[in-house]
Amino acid sequence: MCFGAFCHFGTEGTGFSRKFPGIRPYLATLAGNFKMPILRDYLMSGGICPVNRDTIDYMLSRNGTGNAVVIVIGGAAESLNCTPGKNLVTLKNRKGFVRLALQHGADLVPVYSFGENEVFKQVIFEENSWWRWIQKKVQKLIGVAPCLFHGCGIFSEDSWGIVPYAKPINTVVGDPITIPKIENPRQEDVDLFHGMYMNSLVKLFDKYKMKFGLTETDYLELN
């Protein structure tokens, strides 16, 4: 559900502007969300934008500095594997954001939210099952993966409902990776900085995992 990304980068609920003065975050979400009138206006009021090339190009090429585009790289595909106790990100074959960063000379900053998978419980279907096939087909058609999940009831955590479980979400921000500006990056350039980003994300996870309730043997799985 990306609660961490929304609360930290789509609102001032955790004081982003005080922690990162001079930086204006733009959280990018599925373009389909902007087809619903009321939701669209609410998202736009918080500076949230569609996650497509034209929008990101515009944000990164505006006059001045400090424009930061926040992308949940795994998107809808990653949501199919979100379940309590699992630390998995869909990233290995997601390289478009690196190419855009190279074309604009925009730094890449690894970010990870601990506890994101704990606020709902989801039924995870086997990879080759009939239900997983349906999920992927629907995701391909409308851009949103249909997940079977539940939270708790309004009055008790012991009941089922759609209210998120009261679990802490701690978001950590790593050191920026300096990216050179290359108008037409080669695939080797994209692969190089994509690998650097993945390594930085894993190191960020390992650095903070025990602070936020995980064990030394827990690891971040890259899909």
Protein backbone atom coordinates (compact mmCIF):
# COMPACT_ATOMS: atom_id res chain seq x y z
CA MET A 1 0.00 0.00 0.00
CA CYS A 2 3.10 2.27 0.19
CA PHE A 3 2.05 3.88 3.46
CA GLY A 4 5.63 4.85 4.21
CA ALA A 5 6.18 6.58 0.88
CA PHE A 6 2.86 8.44 1.09
CA CYS A 7 3.25 9.62 4.70
CA HIS A 8 6.89 10.67 4.38
CA PHE A 9 7.02 12.07 0.86
CA GLY A 10 3.41 12.90 0.02
CA THR A 11 2.66 14.80 3.23
CA GLU A 12 4.45 16.82 5.89
CA GLY A 13 3.31 14.36 8.56
CA THR A 14 6.87 13.42 9.50
CA GLY A 15 8.49 16.78 8.80
CA PHE A 16 10.24 16.08 5.48
CA SER A 17 11.02 19.75 4.78
CA ARG A 18 12.75 20.13 8.16
CA LYS A 19 14.91 17.06 7.64
CA PHE A 20 15.72 17.81 3.99
CA PRO A 21 15.52 21.60 3.53
CA GLY A 22 15.56 22.81 -0.06
CA ILE A 23 14.25 19.54 -1.51
CA ARG A 24 10.71 19.26 -2.90
CA PRO A 25 9.57 15.63 -3.18
CA TYR A 26 7.12 14.52 -5.85
CA LEU A 27 5.71 11.08 -5.13
CA ALA A 28 4.92 9.26 -8.37
CA THR A 29 2.05 6.77 -8.46
CA LEU A 30 0.07 4.77 -11.02
CA ALA A 31 -1.34 6.93 -13.82
CA GLY A 32 -4.69 5.13 -13.48
CA ASN A 33 -5.26 6.86 -10.13
CA PHE A 34 -5.60 10.18 -11.96
CA LYS A 35 -8.61 8.97 -13.95
CA MET A 36 -10.81 9.13 -10.84
CA PRO A 37 -11.92 12.76 -10.28
CA ILE A 38 -11.98 13.07 -6.49
CA LEU A 39 -8.91 10.90 -5.92
CA ARG A 40 -7.07 12.77 -8.68
CA ASP A 41 -7.64 16.16 -7.04
CA TYR A 42 -6.60 14.84 -3.64
CA LEU A 43 -3.37 13.37 -5.02
CA MET A 44 -2.50 16.49 -6.99
CA SER A 45 -3.03 18.68 -3.91
CA GLY A 46 -0.14 16.84 -2.28
CA GLY A 47 2.17 17.18 -5.27
CA ILE A 48 1.71 13.54 -6.25
CA CYS A 49 2.17 12.85 -9.97
CA PRO A 50 1.75 10.00 -12.48
CA VAL A 51 4.73 7.67 -12.78
CA ASN A 52 5.39 8.02 -16.50
CA ARG A 53 8.31 9.24 -18.58
CA ASP A 54 6.81 12.58 -19.62
CA THR A 55 6.00 13.57 -16.04
CA ILE A 56 9.39 12.54 -14.67
CA ASP A 57 11.19 14.31 -17.52
CA TYR A 58 9.27 17.48 -16.68
CA MET A 59 9.95 17.28 -12.95
CA LEU A 60 13.67 16.72 -13.42
CA SER A 61 14.12 19.40 -16.08
CA ARG A 62 12.33 22.26 -14.29
CA ASN A 63 14.31 25.42 -13.52
CA GLY A 64 16.25 25.35 -10.28
CA THR A 65 17.36 22.46 -8.13
CA GLY A 66 15.89 20.34 -5.39
CA ASN A 67 13.16 18.58 -7.35
CA ALA A 68 13.10 14.95 -6.18
CA VAL A 69 10.91 12.29 -7.80
CA VAL A 70 10.03 9.44 -5.43
CA ILE A 71 9.23 6.15 -7.17
CA VAL A 72 8.15 2.83 -5.68
CA ILE A 73 10.15 0.81 -8.19
CA GLY A 74 8.45 -2.56 -7.66
CA GLY A 75 4.99 -1.13 -8.25
CA ALA A 76 2.01 -3.42 -8.70
CA ALA A 77 4.15 -6.50 -9.38
CA GLU A 78 5.84 -6.19 -5.98
CA SER A 79 2.51 -5.92 -4.18
CA LEU A 80 1.72 -9.55 -5.07
CA ASN A 81 4.53 -10.74 -2.79
CA CYS A 82 3.96 -8.43 0.18
CA THR A 83 3.29 -10.39 3.35
CA PRO A 84 4.33 -10.05 7.01
CA GLY A 85 7.85 -11.26 7.72
CA LYS A 86 8.98 -11.03 4.10
CA ASN A 87 11.57 -8.53 2.87
CA LEU A 88 11.40 -8.55 -0.91
CA VAL A 89 11.68 -5.85 -3.55
CA THR A 90 11.09 -6.16 -7.29
CA LEU A 91 14.14 -4.46 -8.75
CA LYS A 92 16.47 -6.67 -10.79
CA ASN A 93 14.82 -5.97 -14.14
CA ARG A 94 13.57 -2.45 -13.34
CA LYS A 95 16.13 -0.18 -15.05
CA GLY A 96 14.09 2.60 -16.65
CA PHE A 97 14.53 4.89 -13.64
CA VAL A 98 18.31 4.57 -13.95
CA ARG A 99 18.23 5.54 -17.62
CA LEU A 100 16.16 8.64 -16.81
CA ALA A 101 18.54 9.57 -13.99
CA LEU A 102 21.47 9.35 -16.39
CA GLN A 103 19.75 11.48 -19.02
CA HIS A 104 19.15 14.23 -16.45
CA GLY A 105 22.24 13.77 -14.29
CA ALA A 106 19.95 13.22 -11.28
CA ASP A 107 21.32 11.49 -8.19
CA LEU A 108 19.82 8.15 -7.16
CA VAL A 109 18.95 7.84 -3.46
CA PRO A 110 18.13 4.40 -2.00
CA VAL A 111 15.18 4.36 0.42
CA TYR A 112 13.64 1.47 2.35
CA SER A 113 10.62 1.26 4.66
CA PHE A 114 10.78 -1.30 7.46
CA GLY A 115 7.38 -2.58 8.59
CA GLU A 116 5.53 -1.82 5.36
CA ASN A 117 4.53 -5.47 4.91
CA GLU A 118 3.23 -5.80 8.46
CA VAL A 119 0.17 -3.54 8.24
CA PHE A 120 -1.91 -6.01 6.18
CA LYS A 121 -2.02 -9.78 5.80
CA GLN A 122 -2.24 -11.11 2.26
CA VAL A 123 -2.98 -14.45 0.66
CA ILE A 124 0.07 -15.30 -1.47
CA PHE A 125 -0.66 -17.65 -4.37
CA GLU A 126 1.97 -20.00 -5.80
CA GLU A 127 3.83 -18.64 -8.83
CA ASN A 128 2.39 -21.18 -11.30
CA SER A 129 -1.09 -21.34 -9.82
CA TRP A 130 -4.31 -20.41 -11.60
CA TRP A 131 -4.98 -17.50 -9.19
CA ARG A 132 -1.51 -16.00 -9.71
CA TRP A 133 -2.07 -16.17 -13.47
CA ILE A 134 -5.33 -14.22 -13.06
CA GLN A 135 -3.61 -11.62 -10.88
CA LYS A 136 -0.90 -11.03 -13.46
CA LYS A 137 -3.38 -10.83 -16.33
CA VAL A 138 -5.48 -8.23 -14.52
CA GLN A 139 -2.34 -6.30 -13.57
CA LYS A 140 -1.26 -6.22 -17.21
CA LEU A 141 -4.69 -5.00 -18.33
CA ILE A 142 -5.36 -2.23 -15.81
CA GLY A 143 -1.98 -1.67 -14.13
CA VAL A 144 -3.22 -2.68 -10.66
CA ALA A 145 -2.69 -6.11 -9.13
CA PRO A 146 -5.81 -7.57 -7.45
CA CYS A 147 -4.58 -8.70 -4.03
CA LEU A 148 -6.55 -10.67 -1.43
CA PHE A 149 -5.64 -9.00 1.85
CA HIS A 150 -7.17 -7.95 5.14
CA GLY A 151 -6.41 -5.83 8.15
CA CYS A 152 -8.25 -5.61 11.44
CA GLY A 153 -11.63 -4.32 12.51
CA ILE A 154 -12.31 -0.83 13.79
CA PHE A 155 -12.59 -1.83 17.45
CA SER A 156 -10.26 -4.81 17.79
CA GLU A 157 -7.07 -6.17 16.23
CA ASP A 158 -8.46 -9.67 16.77
CA SER A 159 -11.18 -9.15 14.16
CA TRP A 160 -10.94 -8.95 10.39
CA GLY A 161 -11.48 -5.72 8.51
CA ILE A 162 -9.85 -3.17 6.22
CA VAL A 163 -8.18 -1.06 8.91
CA PRO A 164 -4.37 -1.42 8.83
CA TYR A 165 -2.78 -3.15 11.79
CA ALA A 166 -1.12 -0.72 14.21
CA LYS A 167 2.47 -1.48 13.23
CA PRO A 168 5.32 1.04 13.02
CA ILE A 169 6.75 1.91 9.61
CA ASN A 170 10.30 3.24 9.73
CA THR A 171 11.72 4.71 6.52
CA VAL A 172 15.48 5.08 6.12
CA VAL A 173 17.24 7.16 3.48
CA GLY A 174 20.69 6.23 2.20
CA ASP A 175 23.51 8.29 0.76
CA PRO A 176 22.91 9.67 -2.75
CA ILE A 177 24.67 8.02 -5.66
CA THR A 178 26.16 10.71 -7.90
CA ILE A 179 25.03 10.16 -11.49
CA PRO A 180 26.75 11.75 -14.51
CA LYS A 181 24.62 13.37 -17.18
CA ILE A 182 24.65 11.24 -20.33
CA GLU A 183 22.13 12.24 -22.99
CA ASN A 184 22.19 8.83 -24.67
CA PRO A 185 23.38 6.32 -22.06
CA ARG A 186 24.62 2.96 -23.24
CA GLN A 187 23.19 -0.22 -21.76
CA GLU A 188 26.52 -0.77 -20.00
CA ASP A 189 26.11 2.60 -18.26
CA VAL A 190 22.59 1.73 -17.16
CA ASP A 191 23.69 -1.69 -15.87
CA LEU A 192 26.62 -0.19 -13.96
CA PHE A 193 24.58 2.35 -12.00
CA HIS A 194 21.68 -0.06 -11.57
CA GLY A 195 24.08 -2.46 -9.89
CA MET A 196 25.41 0.33 -7.69
CA TYR A 197 21.86 1.21 -6.65
CA MET A 198 21.02 -2.41 -5.75
CA ASN A 199 24.19 -2.75 -3.68
CA SER A 200 23.47 0.52 -1.87
CA LEU A 201 19.92 -0.60 -1.08
CA VAL A 202 21.11 -3.92 0.38
CA LYS A 203 23.73 -2.13 2.50
CA LEU A 204 21.08 0.31 3.74
CA PHE A 205 18.81 -2.59 4.71
CA ASP A 206 21.63 -4.42 6.53
CA LYS A 207 22.69 -1.27 8.37
CA TYR A 208 19.28 -0.67 9.97
CA LYS A 209 17.57 -4.08 10.06
CA MET A 210 18.42 -4.93 13.67
CA LYS A 211 17.47 -1.45 14.86
CA PHE A 212 13.93 -2.00 13.59
CA GLY A 213 13.25 -5.48 14.94
CA LEU A 214 14.82 -7.84 12.41
CA THR A 215 17.54 -10.37 13.14
CA GLU A 216 21.10 -10.53 11.89
CA THR A 217 20.19 -13.42 9.57
CA ASP A 218 17.35 -11.51 7.86
CA TYR A 219 18.21 -10.34 4.38
CA LEU A 220 16.71 -8.28 1.59
CA GLU A 221 15.60 -10.41 -1.35
CA LEU A 222 15.90 -8.75 -4.77
CA ASN A 223 13.52 -10.08 -7.42
